[in-house]
Amino acid sequence: MNFDSIFSEKYYGNTFSDWGISILIIVGAVIIGKIAYWFFSKALKRFTEKTETKFDDILIDMLEEPLVVIVLIASVWYSLARLSFSNGLDVLIAHGMHAAIILTVTWMVVRLLDAMIEQYIVPLTEQSETDLDDMLLPVLRKSAKAMIWILGIIVALNNAGVEIAPLIAGLGIGGLALAMAAKDTVANFFGGFTIFTDKPFTVGDRVKLGGFDGVIYEVGLRSSRMRTLEGRMVTIPNARIADSMIENVSEEPSRKVFIKLGLVYDVTAQQIKQAMDLLKNIAASDIRIDEKVIVGFSGFGDSALEISFIYYIKSGEDYMAVQTDVNLAILEQFAANKLVFAYPTQTIYTKG
C-alpha cells in the first residue's frame, strides 16, 4: 500500500492531509476553548472577586461563554477557509460564519445588559416608594432585549448576503395581513398600557378578576400573571383585564365580618342587652378592629332570639386570626355570663 498516494489523493477537492489538518485545527480549537473557559471561570474569577466593584465580576461571568463560542466559530471558519471548495460554497461559508459571529456578539450584549439591569437597576426600583417602576421594569427589560436581538438578526442577515431593503418592503406589503393576524397581540399590548396608566392594581395586590381570586405576580407586555389563593399560577391576557371589572381586595380600608348569634327563648330582655354590651366590648378591646361596630337585636327566629353583630377588621391584619380571637372571646364571655346559645328545636303539642 502506497501511503503517499493516499495522502496525495484528493477527496471532494482536497487531499486527505488537508482534511486531517483542518479537523485537527477544529479539535485544537475545542481544547483551547475548554482551557479558555476554565481560565475565565476559575483563575480570572478568583482575581475579580478580590476587587471592590461588581462590574468586573459581571463582565467576566457574562462574556466567558460567548467569547469561547466566538473562538470556536473562528477556528472552524479558518479550518474551512484553508480547504478548496467551489466559489459558491466558499461564499456561503463566509456569509454563514459572519452571521454566526454577529449573532454570538448579540447574545453577549443581551447577556451583559440583562446582568447590568439585575445588578444595578432592580435594587433601585425595589427601594423606591412607587410601584410603577416595578411594573414597568420587566416590560422595558424584555423590550430592550427584543430590540437588540432584532437589530442583531438584521445585521446578521445583511452580512449573510440577504437584501434587507426588499425584505422590509415585502414585510410592508404583508403588513395588513400581519396586523389582522396580530390584532389580539396589539389589543393585549394596549391593555397592558392601560394597566400601567390607570393602575387598577400593582404587583403584590390581591384582586378578584374574571372569576379568579389571587395575588398579582407579574404585569407583562402581553399578559399578566396571578397566583390564586390555591397556589396556582394563572396567565390572563391584558386585553381581557382592561375590559373586565376588577375588585382590588388590597385597597379595602377594612373587611366586614357579619355574625348572627342565636340565644334560647328562655333569656330575658336584660340578658339580650347584656349580650349586646359584651359584643361591643369585645370589639372595642381589640385594636385590630375598626371603631365602627354594629350590634342589634335583629329578630325572633324559629328556634332562637337573634342578635346581629357586624364589625370591620383593619386593612393589613390577619383576618382569620382576628375572627378566631373574637369568636373565642364570645364563647368564653357568653358562657361566663350564662348566656346560652340556641340550637334548632321543635315543640309538638298533642291533644289528649
Foldseek 3Di string as FASTA:
>chain_A
DDVVCQQVDDDQQHGPVLVVVLVVLLVVLVVVLVVQLCCLVPVVLVVVVPDPDCLVVQLSVLVSVLVSVLSNLVSNLVSVVVGDHDPVVNLQSQLVSLLVNLLSVLSSVLSSVVVCCVVPVVVVQVPDPDQLCVQVVVAVNVVVSVVSNVVSNLVSCVSSVHDVVVVVVVCVVCVVVVCVVCVLQVLLQVLLVCCSVVVPDGQQWFKQWPNFTFGWHHRYRFWTWGQGPVRDIDTGGSNRVSVTDMGGPLPDQWAKDKDKFFFAPPDDPVVLVVLQVLLLVLQVVDPQWDNDKDWDQDDDDPGGRIIMTMTIGGRPDDVVVSVVSSVVSSVVVCVVVVGHTTDDDDDDDDDD
